[in-house]
Amino acid sequence: MATHHELIKAIRTTHAGELWAERKVLSQVVDSLLQRMEGLNTPLAALRETLTEREEEVVKWVIHGMMNKEIAAQLGISEKTVKAHLGNIFSKLKVSRRLQLLLHQIATRTE
């Protein structure tokens, strides 16, 4: 359970448009991603190359913190289509959450 101070910090951080996650959750996501990366025979950069141009656009807007509805409006597609693209992206990159997607993109840039 978050303390009063942590809750205020979370509200201020997200209000500023930044990503916020409890340390415990972030640690679990990073550990999960690292375990998946260790089990991969394919380098992360090669997995990223499997994305279509539209999927790359969706990734870009997710990284900028947009929600599905906002991405749909930005790209002129339905929210359902955005969800379908995210499902494909998660499957191709072997991730299951937006935060893992963000961390994947960071890891890909450092390869």
PDB file of N, CA and C in Angstrom:
ATOM      1  N   MET A   1       0.843  -1.178   0.000  1.00  0.00           N
ATOM      2  CA  MET A   1       0.000   0.000   0.000  1.00  0.00           C
ATOM      3  C   MET A   1       0.887   1.239   0.000  1.00  0.00           C
ATOM      4  N   ALA A   2       0.567   2.178  -0.829  1.00  0.00           N
ATOM      5  CA  ALA A   2       1.350   3.399  -0.961  1.00  0.00           C
ATOM      6  C   ALA A   2       1.093   4.333   0.216  1.00  0.00           C
ATOM      7  N   THR A   3       2.154   5.011   0.632  1.00  0.00           N
ATOM      8  CA  THR A   3       2.006   6.002   1.689  1.00  0.00           C
ATOM      9  C   THR A   3       1.404   7.269   1.095  1.00  0.00           C
ATOM     10  N   HIS A   4       0.996   8.164   1.971  1.00  0.00           N
ATOM     11  CA  HIS A   4       0.429   9.446   1.546  1.00  0.00           C
ATOM     12  C   HIS A   4       1.436  10.199   0.679  1.00  0.00           C
ATOM     13  N   HIS A   5       2.690  10.214   1.082  1.00  0.00           N
ATOM     14  CA  HIS A   5       3.758  10.896   0.337  1.00  0.00           C
ATOM     15  C   HIS A   5       3.937  10.273  -1.054  1.00  0.00           C
ATOM     16  N   GLU A   6       3.929   8.944  -1.125  1.00  0.00           N
ATOM     17  CA  GLU A   6       4.093   8.255  -2.412  1.00  0.00           C
ATOM     18  C   GLU A   6       2.911   8.544  -3.345  1.00  0.00           C
ATOM     19  N   LEU A   7       1.715   8.603  -2.787  1.00  0.00           N
ATOM     20  CA  LEU A   7       0.530   8.885  -3.580  1.00  0.00           C
ATOM     21  C   LEU A   7       0.591  10.297  -4.168  1.00  0.00           C
ATOM     22  N   ILE A   8       1.002  11.255  -3.372  1.00  0.00           N
ATOM     23  CA  ILE A   8       1.144  12.633  -3.861  1.00  0.00           C
ATOM     24  C   ILE A   8       2.198  12.690  -4.963  1.00  0.00           C
ATOM     25  N   LYS A   9       3.306  12.000  -4.757  1.00  0.00           N
ATOM     26  CA  LYS A   9       4.367  11.972  -5.766  1.00  0.00           C
ATOM     27  C   LYS A   9       3.852  11.351  -7.067  1.00  0.00           C
ATOM     28  N   ALA A  10       3.096  10.273  -6.965  1.00  0.00           N
ATOM     29  CA  ALA A  10       2.543   9.606  -8.150  1.00  0.00           C
ATOM     30  C   ALA A  10       1.607  10.536  -8.911  1.00  0.00           C
ATOM     31  N   ILE A  11       0.767  11.248  -8.185  1.00  0.00           N
ATOM     32  CA  ILE A  11      -0.175  12.180  -8.826  1.00  0.00           C
ATOM     33  C   ILE A  11       0.577  13.302  -9.520  1.00  0.00           C
ATOM     34  N   ARG A  12       1.547  13.869  -8.841  1.00  0.00           N
ATOM     35  CA  ARG A  12       2.328  14.963  -9.444  1.00  0.00           C
ATOM     36  C   ARG A  12       3.099  14.478 -10.678  1.00  0.00           C
ATOM     37  N   THR A  13       3.673  13.299 -10.586  1.00  0.00           N
ATOM     38  CA  THR A  13       4.458  12.756 -11.692  1.00  0.00           C
ATOM     39  C   THR A  13       3.585  12.516 -12.916  1.00  0.00           C
ATOM     40  N   THR A  14       2.456  11.866 -12.732  1.00  0.00           N
ATOM     41  CA  THR A  14       1.577  11.580 -13.868  1.00  0.00           C
ATOM     42  C   THR A  14       0.927  12.853 -14.395  1.00  0.00           C
ATOM     43  N   HIS A  15       0.631  13.789 -13.507  1.00  0.00           N
ATOM     44  CA  HIS A  15       0.067  15.065 -13.956  1.00  0.00           C
ATOM     45  C   HIS A  15       1.063  15.810 -14.845  1.00  0.00           C
ATOM     46  N   ALA A  16       2.350  15.630 -14.589  1.00  0.00           N
ATOM     47  CA  ALA A  16       3.394  16.261 -15.402  1.00  0.00           C
ATOM     48  C   ALA A  16       3.617  15.517 -16.716  1.00  0.00           C
ATOM     49  N   GLY A  17       2.859  14.425 -16.921  1.00  0.00           N
ATOM     50  CA  GLY A  17       2.970  13.671 -18.173  1.00  0.00           C
ATOM     51  C   GLY A  17       4.068  12.629 -18.163  1.00  0.00           C
ATOM     52  N   GLU A  18       4.591  12.342 -16.989  1.00  0.00           N
ATOM     53  CA  GLU A  18       5.664  11.349 -16.886  1.00  0.00           C
ATOM     54  C   GLU A  18       5.097  10.002 -16.454  1.00  0.00           C
ATOM     55  N   LEU A  19       5.886   8.984 -16.668  1.00  0.00           N
ATOM     56  CA  LEU A  19       5.505   7.622 -16.283  1.00  0.00           C
ATOM     57  C   LEU A  19       5.820   7.409 -14.815  1.00  0.00           C
ATOM     58  N   TRP A  20       4.904   6.786 -14.076  1.00  0.00           N
ATOM     59  CA  TRP A  20       5.144   6.493 -12.676  1.00  0.00           C
ATOM     60  C   TRP A  20       4.729   5.066 -12.400  1.00  0.00           C
ATOM     61  N   ALA A  21       5.556   4.377 -11.649  1.00  0.00           N
ATOM     62  CA  ALA A  21       5.222   3.028 -11.194  1.00  0.00           C
ATOM     63  C   ALA A  21       5.889   2.816  -9.847  1.00  0.00           C
ATOM     64  N   GLU A  22       5.245   2.054  -8.991  1.00  0.00           N
ATOM     65  CA  GLU A  22       5.857   1.721  -7.710  1.00  0.00           C
ATOM     66  C   GLU A  22       7.148   0.966  -7.974  1.00  0.00           C
ATOM     67  N   ARG A  23       8.110   1.166  -7.125  1.00  0.00           N
ATOM     68  CA  ARG A  23       9.403   0.502  -7.306  1.00  0.00           C
ATOM     69  C   ARG A  23       9.254  -1.016  -7.388  1.00  0.00           C
ATOM     70  N   LYS A  24       8.393  -1.564  -6.567  1.00  0.00           N
ATOM     71  CA  LYS A  24       8.194  -3.016  -6.555  1.00  0.00           C
ATOM     72  C   LYS A  24       7.682  -3.490  -7.917  1.00  0.00           C
ATOM     73  N   VAL A  25       6.700  -2.787  -8.462  1.00  0.00           N
ATOM     74  CA  VAL A  25       6.136  -3.157  -9.766  1.00  0.00           C
ATOM     75  C   VAL A  25       7.188  -3.000 -10.853  1.00  0.00           C
ATOM     76  N   LEU A  26       7.882  -1.877 -10.845  1.00  0.00           N
ATOM     77  CA  LEU A  26       8.925  -1.634 -11.838  1.00  0.00           C
ATOM     78  C   LEU A  26      10.006  -2.705 -11.757  1.00  0.00           C
ATOM     79  N   SER A  27      10.390  -3.069 -10.559  1.00  0.00           N
ATOM     80  CA  SER A  27      11.404  -4.111 -10.370  1.00  0.00           C
ATOM     81  C   SER A  27      10.929  -5.450 -10.938  1.00  0.00           C
ATOM     82  N   GLN A  28       9.667  -5.778 -10.708  1.00  0.00           N
ATOM     83  CA  GLN A  28       9.117  -7.030 -11.226  1.00  0.00           C
ATOM     84  C   GLN A  28       9.094  -7.035 -12.751  1.00  0.00           C
ATOM     85  N   VAL A  29       8.723  -5.913 -13.343  1.00  0.00           N
ATOM     86  CA  VAL A  29       8.667  -5.816 -14.802  1.00  0.00           C
ATOM     87  C   VAL A  29      10.067  -5.932 -15.389  1.00  0.00           C
ATOM     88  N   VAL A  30      11.033  -5.238 -14.788  1.00  0.00           N
ATOM     89  CA  VAL A  30      12.410  -5.300 -15.283  1.00  0.00           C
ATOM     90  C   VAL A  30      12.944  -6.721 -15.153  1.00  0.00           C
ATOM     91  N   ASP A  31      12.721  -7.367 -14.013  1.00  0.00           N
ATOM     92  CA  ASP A  31      13.166  -8.750 -13.835  1.00  0.00           C
ATOM     93  C   ASP A  31      12.542  -9.676 -14.875  1.00  0.00           C
ATOM     94  N   SER A  32      11.250  -9.500 -15.121  1.00  0.00           N
ATOM     95  CA  SER A  32      10.556 -10.323 -16.113  1.00  0.00           C
ATOM     96  C   SER A  32      11.138 -10.110 -17.500  1.00  0.00           C
ATOM     97  N   LEU A  33      11.365  -8.851 -17.859  1.00  0.00           N
ATOM     98  CA  LEU A  33      11.926  -8.546 -19.173  1.00  0.00           C
ATOM     99  C   LEU A  33      13.327  -9.123 -19.308  1.00  0.00           C
ATOM    100  N   LEU A  34      14.134  -8.994 -18.274  1.00  0.00           N
ATOM    101  CA  LEU A  34      15.497  -9.543 -18.325  1.00  0.00           C
ATOM    102  C   LEU A  34      15.477 -11.057 -18.490  1.00  0.00           C
ATOM    103  N   GLN A  35      14.564 -11.728 -17.794  1.00  0.00           N
ATOM    104  CA  GLN A  35      14.449 -13.179 -17.931  1.00  0.00           C
ATOM    105  C   GLN A  35      14.050 -13.548 -19.354  1.00  0.00           C
ATOM    106  N   ARG A  36      13.135 -12.815 -19.930  1.00  0.00           N
ATOM    107  CA  ARG A  36      12.713 -13.092 -21.306  1.00  0.00           C
ATOM    108  C   ARG A  36      13.852 -12.842 -22.280  1.00  0.00           C
ATOM    109  N   MET A  37      14.617 -11.782 -22.022  1.00  0.00           N
ATOM    110  CA  MET A  37      15.730 -11.444 -22.903  1.00  0.00           C
ATOM    111  C   MET A  37      16.798 -12.537 -22.865  1.00  0.00           C
ATOM    112  N   GLU A  38      17.047 -13.087 -21.674  1.00  0.00           N
ATOM    113  CA  GLU A  38      18.051 -14.135 -21.541  1.00  0.00           C
ATOM    114  C   GLU A  38      17.651 -15.386 -22.307  1.00  0.00           C
ATOM    115  N   GLY A  39      16.339 -15.634 -22.408  1.00  0.00           N
ATOM    116  CA  GLY A  39      15.857 -16.821 -23.093  1.00  0.00           C
ATOM    117  C   GLY A  39      15.704 -16.663 -24.591  1.00  0.00           C
ATOM    118  N   LEU A  40      15.938 -15.477 -25.091  1.00  0.00           N
ATOM    119  CA  LEU A  40      15.764 -15.236 -26.515  1.00  0.00           C
ATOM    120  C   LEU A  40      17.002 -15.634 -27.305  1.00  0.00           C
ATOM    121  N   ASN A  41      16.782 -16.274 -28.413  1.00  0.00           N
ATOM    122  CA  ASN A  41      17.875 -16.556 -29.330  1.00  0.00           C
ATOM    123  C   ASN A  41      18.006 -15.436 -30.351  1.00  0.00           C
ATOM    124  N   THR A  42      16.964 -14.627 -30.459  1.00  0.00           N
ATOM    125  CA  THR A  42      16.931 -13.535 -31.421  1.00  0.00           C
ATOM    126  C   THR A  42      17.248 -12.232 -30.694  1.00  0.00           C
ATOM    127  N   PRO A  43      18.201 -11.450 -31.212  1.00  0.00           N
ATOM    128  CA  PRO A  43      18.494 -10.159 -30.582  1.00  0.00           C
ATOM    129  C   PRO A  43      17.269  -9.251 -30.599  1.00  0.00           C
ATOM    130  N   LEU A  44      17.181  -8.360 -29.602  1.00  0.00           N
ATOM    131  CA  LEU A  44      16.035  -7.466 -29.511  1.00  0.00           C
ATOM    132  C   LEU A  44      15.854  -6.625 -30.771  1.00  0.00           C
ATOM    133  N   ALA A  45      16.948  -6.145 -31.333  1.00  0.00           N
ATOM    134  CA  ALA A  45      16.850  -5.312 -32.539  1.00  0.00           C
ATOM    135  C   ALA A  45      16.203  -6.090 -33.686  1.00  0.00           C
ATOM    136  N   ALA A  46      16.502  -7.375 -33.782  1.00  0.00           N
ATOM    137  CA  ALA A  46      15.908  -8.197 -34.843  1.00  0.00           C
ATOM    138  C   ALA A  46      14.409  -8.364 -34.621  1.00  0.00           C
ATOM    139  N   LEU A  47      13.988  -8.478 -33.362  1.00  0.00           N
ATOM    140  CA  LEU A  47      12.557  -8.578 -33.074  1.00  0.00           C
ATOM    141  C   LEU A  47      11.855  -7.289 -33.480  1.00  0.00           C
ATOM    142  N   ARG A  48      12.490  -6.170 -33.205  1.00  0.00           N
ATOM    143  CA  ARG A  48      11.884  -4.879 -33.548  1.00  0.00           C
ATOM    144  C   ARG A  48      11.698  -4.743 -35.052  1.00  0.00           C
ATOM    145  N   GLU A  49      12.595  -5.315 -35.824  1.00  0.00           N
ATOM    146  CA  GLU A  49      12.503  -5.233 -37.278  1.00  0.00           C
ATOM    147  C   GLU A  49      11.286  -5.968 -37.836  1.00  0.00           C
ATOM    148  N   THR A  50      10.654  -6.806 -37.024  1.00  0.00           N
ATOM    149  CA  THR A  50       9.471  -7.535 -37.484  1.00  0.00           C
ATOM    150  C   THR A  50       8.210  -6.671 -37.451  1.00  0.00           C
ATOM    151  N   LEU A  51       8.289  -5.489 -36.819  1.00  0.00           N
ATOM    152  CA  LEU A  51       7.126  -4.618 -36.723  1.00  0.00           C
ATOM    153  C   LEU A  51       6.831  -3.943 -38.057  1.00  0.00           C
ATOM    154  N   THR A  52       5.544  -3.797 -38.350  1.00  0.00           N
ATOM    155  CA  THR A  52       5.142  -3.061 -39.545  1.00  0.00           C
ATOM    156  C   THR A  52       5.313  -1.570 -39.285  1.00  0.00           C
ATOM    157  N   GLU A  53       5.211  -0.790 -40.347  1.00  0.00           N
ATOM    158  CA  GLU A  53       5.325   0.667 -40.214  1.00  0.00           C
ATOM    159  C   GLU A  53       4.252   1.211 -39.265  1.00  0.00           C
ATOM    160  N   ARG A  54       3.023   0.715 -39.391  1.00  0.00           N
ATOM    161  CA  ARG A  54       1.927   1.168 -38.527  1.00  0.00           C
ATOM    162  C   ARG A  54       2.178   0.762 -37.076  1.00  0.00           C
ATOM    163  N   GLU A  55       2.684  -0.453 -36.866  1.00  0.00           N
ATOM    164  CA  GLU A  55       2.990  -0.890 -35.507  1.00  0.00           C
ATOM    165  C   GLU A  55       4.074  -0.006 -34.894  1.00  0.00           C
ATOM    166  N   GLU A  56       5.048   0.402 -35.688  1.00  0.00           N
ATOM    167  CA  GLU A  56       6.093   1.317 -35.209  1.00  0.00           C
ATOM    168  C   GLU A  56       5.480   2.652 -34.777  1.00  0.00           C
ATOM    169  N   GLU A  57       4.486   3.125 -35.551  1.00  0.00           N
ATOM    170  CA  GLU A  57       3.804   4.371 -35.186  1.00  0.00           C
ATOM    171  C   GLU A  57       3.093   4.221 -33.843  1.00  0.00           C
ATOM    172  N   VAL A  58       2.409   3.096 -33.657  1.00  0.00           N
ATOM    173  CA  VAL A  58       1.703   2.849 -32.401  1.00  0.00           C
ATOM    174  C   VAL A  58       2.712   2.821 -31.248  1.00  0.00           C
ATOM    175  N   VAL A  59       3.831   2.144 -31.444  1.00  0.00           N
ATOM    176  CA  VAL A  59       4.875   2.083 -30.409  1.00  0.00           C
ATOM    177  C   VAL A  59       5.327   3.495 -30.052  1.00  0.00           C
ATOM    178  N   LYS A  60       5.548   4.314 -31.068  1.00  0.00           N
ATOM    179  CA  LYS A  60       6.010   5.689 -30.834  1.00  0.00           C
ATOM    180  C   LYS A  60       5.048   6.439 -29.917  1.00  0.00           C
ATOM    181  N   TRP A  61       3.745   6.313 -30.177  1.00  0.00           N
ATOM    182  CA  TRP A  61       2.773   7.042 -29.368  1.00  0.00           C
ATOM    183  C   TRP A  61       2.614   6.436 -27.984  1.00  0.00           C
ATOM    184  N   VAL A  62       2.765   5.122 -27.855  1.00  0.00           N
ATOM    185  CA  VAL A  62       2.738   4.493 -26.528  1.00  0.00           C
ATOM    186  C   VAL A  62       3.892   5.032 -25.693  1.00  0.00           C
ATOM    187  N   ILE A  63       5.080   5.127 -26.303  1.00  0.00           N
ATOM    188  CA  ILE A  63       6.260   5.631 -25.603  1.00  0.00           C
ATOM    189  C   ILE A  63       6.057   7.080 -25.162  1.00  0.00           C
ATOM    190  N   HIS A  64       5.275   7.825 -25.931  1.00  0.00           N
ATOM    191  CA  HIS A  64       4.978   9.212 -25.565  1.00  0.00           C
ATOM    192  C   HIS A  64       3.869   9.302 -24.510  1.00  0.00           C
ATOM    193  N   GLY A  65       3.386   8.160 -24.043  1.00  0.00           N
ATOM    194  CA  GLY A  65       2.413   8.134 -22.955  1.00  0.00           C
ATOM    195  C   GLY A  65       0.963   8.223 -23.359  1.00  0.00           C
ATOM    196  N   MET A  66       0.676   8.086 -24.650  1.00  0.00           N
ATOM    197  CA  MET A  66      -0.715   8.173 -25.101  1.00  0.00           C
ATOM    198  C   MET A  66      -1.481   6.890 -24.787  1.00  0.00           C
ATOM    199  N   MET A  67      -2.757   7.067 -24.488  1.00  0.00           N
ATOM    200  CA  MET A  67      -3.640   5.939 -24.265  1.00  0.00           C
ATOM    201  C   MET A  67      -4.218   5.509 -25.617  1.00  0.00           C
ATOM    202  N   ASN A  68      -4.850   4.343 -25.650  1.00  0.00           N
ATOM    203  CA  ASN A  68      -5.374   3.797 -26.905  1.00  0.00           C
ATOM    204  C   ASN A  68      -6.286   4.777 -27.643  1.00  0.00           C
ATOM    205  N   LYS A  69      -7.181   5.433 -26.917  1.00  0.00           N
ATOM    206  CA  LYS A  69      -8.120   6.368 -27.528  1.00  0.00           C
ATOM    207  C   LYS A  69      -7.378   7.534 -28.188  1.00  0.00           C
ATOM    208  N   GLU A  70      -6.337   8.024 -27.513  1.00  0.00           N
ATOM    209  CA  GLU A  70      -5.547   9.135 -28.051  1.00  0.00           C
ATOM    210  C   GLU A  70      -4.757   8.699 -29.289  1.00  0.00           C
ATOM    211  N   ILE A  71      -4.215   7.490 -29.235  1.00  0.00           N
ATOM    212  CA  ILE A  71      -3.469   6.963 -30.384  1.00  0.00           C
ATOM    213  C   ILE A  71      -4.397   6.809 -31.576  1.00  0.00           C
ATOM    214  N   ALA A  72      -5.585   6.289 -31.325  1.00  0.00           N
ATOM    215  CA  ALA A  72      -6.571   6.118 -32.397  1.00  0.00           C
ATOM    216  C   ALA A  72      -6.880   7.456 -33.063  1.00  0.00           C
ATOM    217  N   ALA A  73      -7.098   8.490 -32.259  1.00  0.00           N
ATOM    218  CA  ALA A  73      -7.388   9.812 -32.809  1.00  0.00           C
ATOM    219  C   ALA A  73      -6.186  10.351 -33.588  1.00  0.00           C
ATOM    220  N   GLN A  74      -5.001  10.154 -33.064  1.00  0.00           N
ATOM    221  CA  GLN A  74      -3.783  10.644 -33.716  1.00  0.00           C
ATOM    222  C   GLN A  74      -3.583   9.985 -35.085  1.00  0.00           C
ATOM    223  N   LEU A  75      -3.864   8.679 -35.167  1.00  0.00           N
ATOM    224  CA  LEU A  75      -3.614   7.929 -36.397  1.00  0.00           C
ATOM    225  C   LEU A  75      -4.842   7.823 -37.306  1.00  0.00           C
ATOM    226  N   GLY A  76      -5.990   8.296 -36.841  1.00  0.00           N
ATOM    227  CA  GLY A  76      -7.200   8.231 -37.653  1.00  0.00           C
ATOM    228  C   GLY A  76      -7.721   6.814 -37.829  1.00  0.00           C
ATOM    229  N   ILE A  77      -7.573   5.998 -36.772  1.00  0.00           N
ATOM    230  CA  ILE A  77      -8.058   4.617 -36.797  1.00  0.00           C
ATOM    231  C   ILE A  77      -8.924   4.390 -35.563  1.00  0.00           C
ATOM    232  N   SER A  78      -9.581   3.255 -35.487  1.00  0.00           N
ATOM    233  CA  SER A  78     -10.432   2.979 -34.334  1.00  0.00           C
ATOM    234  C   SER A  78      -9.596   2.502 -33.146  1.00  0.00           C
ATOM    235  N   GLU A  79     -10.166   2.661 -31.976  1.00  0.00           N
ATOM    236  CA  GLU A  79      -9.507   2.190 -30.762  1.00  0.00           C
ATOM    237  C   GLU A  79      -9.328   0.663 -30.812  1.00  0.00           C
ATOM    238  N   LYS A  80     -10.293  -0.017 -31.414  1.00  0.00           N
ATOM    239  CA  LYS A  80     -10.210  -1.469 -31.568  1.00  0.00           C
ATOM    240  C   LYS A  80      -9.003  -1.852 -32.428  1.00  0.00           C
ATOM    241  N   THR A  81      -8.736  -1.064 -33.467  1.00  0.00           N
ATOM    242  CA  THR A  81      -7.585  -1.321 -34.333  1.00  0.00           C
ATOM    243  C   THR A  81      -6.280  -1.089 -33.568  1.00  0.00           C
ATOM    244  N   VAL A  82      -6.254  -0.054 -32.739  1.00  0.00           N
ATOM    245  CA  VAL A  82      -5.066   0.197 -31.912  1.00  0.00           C
ATOM    246  C   VAL A  82      -4.811  -1.002 -31.003  1.00  0.00           C
ATOM    247  N   LYS A  83      -5.876  -1.520 -30.386  1.00  0.00           N
ATOM    248  CA  LYS A  83      -5.734  -2.691 -29.513  1.00  0.00           C
ATOM    249  C   LYS A  83      -5.207  -3.897 -30.289  1.00  0.00           C
ATOM    250  N   ALA A  84      -5.671  -4.065 -31.512  1.00  0.00           N
ATOM    251  CA  ALA A  84      -5.190  -5.172 -32.349  1.00  0.00           C
ATOM    252  C   ALA A  84      -3.700  -4.994 -32.656  1.00  0.00           C
ATOM    253  N   HIS A  85      -3.313  -3.764 -33.003  1.00  0.00           N
ATOM    254  CA  HIS A  85      -1.890  -3.495 -33.261  1.00  0.00           C
ATOM    255  C   HIS A  85      -1.055  -3.781 -32.016  1.00  0.00           C
ATOM    256  N   LEU A  86      -1.539  -3.344 -30.855  1.00  0.00           N
ATOM    257  CA  LEU A  86      -0.789  -3.594 -29.613  1.00  0.00           C
ATOM    258  C   LEU A  86      -0.658  -5.088 -29.339  1.00  0.00           C
ATOM    259  N   GLY A  87      -1.702  -5.835 -29.599  1.00  0.00           N
ATOM    260  CA  GLY A  87      -1.625  -7.289 -29.432  1.00  0.00           C
ATOM    261  C   GLY A  87      -0.554  -7.890 -30.323  1.00  0.00           C
ATOM    262  N   ASN A  88      -0.509  -7.437 -31.573  1.00  0.00           N
ATOM    263  CA  ASN A  88       0.528  -7.923 -32.500  1.00  0.00           C
ATOM    264  C   ASN A  88       1.917  -7.513 -32.038  1.00  0.00           C
ATOM    265  N   ILE A  89       2.048  -6.266 -31.595  1.00  0.00           N
ATOM    266  CA  ILE A  89       3.340  -5.755 -31.129  1.00  0.00           C
ATOM    267  C   ILE A  89       3.815  -6.560 -29.929  1.00  0.00           C
ATOM    268  N   PHE A  90       2.940  -6.749 -28.944  1.00  0.00           N
ATOM    269  CA  PHE A  90       3.310  -7.488 -27.739  1.00  0.00           C
ATOM    270  C   PHE A  90       3.737  -8.912 -28.099  1.00  0.00           C
ATOM    271  N   SER A  91       3.006  -9.522 -29.021  1.00  0.00           N
ATOM    272  CA  SER A  91       3.334 -10.886 -29.438  1.00  0.00           C
ATOM    273  C   SER A  91       4.696 -10.942 -30.129  1.00  0.00           C
ATOM    274  N   LYS A  92       4.925 -10.031 -31.055  1.00  0.00           N
ATOM    275  CA  LYS A  92       6.187 -10.029 -31.801  1.00  0.00           C
ATOM    276  C   LYS A  92       7.388  -9.737 -30.913  1.00  0.00           C
ATOM    277  N   LEU A  93       7.213  -8.834 -29.952  1.00  0.00           N
ATOM    278  CA  LEU A  93       8.333  -8.440 -29.095  1.00  0.00           C
ATOM    279  C   LEU A  93       8.409  -9.265 -27.815  1.00  0.00           C
ATOM    280  N   LYS A  94       7.450 -10.171 -27.651  1.00  0.00           N
ATOM    281  CA  LYS A  94       7.409 -11.056 -26.490  1.00  0.00           C
ATOM    282  C   LYS A  94       7.327 -10.274 -25.170  1.00  0.00           C
ATOM    283  N   VAL A  95       6.434  -9.278 -25.160  1.00  0.00           N
ATOM    284  CA  VAL A  95       6.146  -8.509 -23.959  1.00  0.00           C
ATOM    285  C   VAL A  95       4.648  -8.560 -23.705  1.00  0.00           C
ATOM    286  N   SER A  96       4.231  -8.153 -22.503  1.00  0.00           N
ATOM    287  CA  SER A  96       2.808  -8.228 -22.202  1.00  0.00           C
ATOM    288  C   SER A  96       2.234  -6.942 -21.615  1.00  0.00           C
ATOM    289  N   ARG A  97       3.080  -5.946 -21.415  1.00  0.00           N
ATOM    290  CA  ARG A  97       2.613  -4.688 -20.833  1.00  0.00           C
ATOM    291  C   ARG A  97       3.260  -3.509 -21.536  1.00  0.00           C
ATOM    292  N   ARG A  98       2.605  -2.357 -21.416  1.00  0.00           N
ATOM    293  CA  ARG A  98       3.145  -1.131 -22.006  1.00  0.00           C
ATOM    294  C   ARG A  98       4.514  -0.783 -21.416  1.00  0.00           C
ATOM    295  N   LEU A  99       4.667  -0.984 -20.119  1.00  0.00           N
ATOM    296  CA  LEU A  99       5.948  -0.672 -19.486  1.00  0.00           C
ATOM    297  C   LEU A  99       7.049  -1.573 -20.034  1.00  0.00           C
ATOM    298  N   GLN A 100       6.740  -2.835 -20.246  1.00  0.00           N
ATOM    299  CA  GLN A 100       7.721  -3.738 -20.848  1.00  0.00           C
ATOM    300  C   GLN A 100       8.062  -3.286 -22.261  1.00  0.00           C
ATOM    301  N   LEU A 101       7.073  -2.786 -22.977  1.00  0.00           N
ATOM    302  CA  LEU A 101       7.302  -2.272 -24.325  1.00  0.00           C
ATOM    303  C   LEU A 101       8.278  -1.098 -24.272  1.00  0.00           C
ATOM    304  N   LEU A 102       8.064  -0.201 -23.334  1.00  0.00           N
ATOM    305  CA  LEU A 102       8.959   0.940 -23.161  1.00  0.00           C
ATOM    306  C   LEU A 102      10.375   0.468 -22.845  1.00  0.00           C
ATOM    307  N   LEU A 103      10.502  -0.458 -21.926  1.00  0.00           N
ATOM    308  CA  LEU A 103      11.824  -0.975 -21.560  1.00  0.00           C
ATOM    309  C   LEU A 103      12.470  -1.703 -22.733  1.00  0.00           C
ATOM    310  N   HIS A 104      11.666  -2.397 -23.512  1.00  0.00           N
ATOM    311  CA  HIS A 104      12.175  -3.076 -24.707  1.00  0.00           C
ATOM    312  C   HIS A 104      12.775  -2.059 -25.662  1.00  0.00           C
ATOM    313  N   GLN A 105      12.086  -0.951 -25.857  1.00  0.00           N
ATOM    314  CA  GLN A 105      12.571   0.083 -26.769  1.00  0.00           C
ATOM    315  C   GLN A 105      13.877   0.694 -26.258  1.00  0.00           C
ATOM    316  N   ILE A 106      13.963   0.883 -24.953  1.00  0.00           N
ATOM    317  CA  ILE A 106      15.207   1.408 -24.374  1.00  0.00           C
ATOM    318  C   ILE A 106      16.337   0.414 -24.595  1.00  0.00           C
ATOM    319  N   ALA A 107      16.070  -0.854 -24.353  1.00  0.00           N
ATOM    320  CA  ALA A 107      17.100  -1.887 -24.531  1.00  0.00           C
ATOM    321  C   ALA A 107      17.529  -1.991 -25.978  1.00  0.00           C
ATOM    322  N   THR A 108      16.599  -1.837 -26.912  1.00  0.00           N
ATOM    323  CA  THR A 108      16.911  -1.923 -28.328  1.00  0.00           C
ATOM    324  C   THR A 108      17.832  -0.794 -28.752  1.00  0.00           C
ATOM    325  N   ARG A 109      17.623   0.366 -28.207  1.00  0.00           N
ATOM    326  CA  ARG A 109      18.466   1.525 -28.557  1.00  0.00           C
ATOM    327  C   ARG A 109      19.878   1.371 -28.046  1.00  0.00           C
ATOM    328  N   THR A 110      20.076   0.575 -26.988  1.00  0.00           N
ATOM    329  CA  THR A 110      21.423   0.431 -26.425  1.00  0.00           C
ATOM    330  C   THR A 110      22.174  -0.757 -26.997  1.00  0.00           C
ATOM    331  N   GLU A 111      21.538  -1.559 -27.842  1.00  0.00           N
ATOM    332  CA  GLU A 111      22.220  -2.725 -28.432  1.00  0.00           C
ATOM    333  C   GLU A 111      23.254  -2.285 -29.440  1.00  0.00           C
TER     334      GLU A 111
END
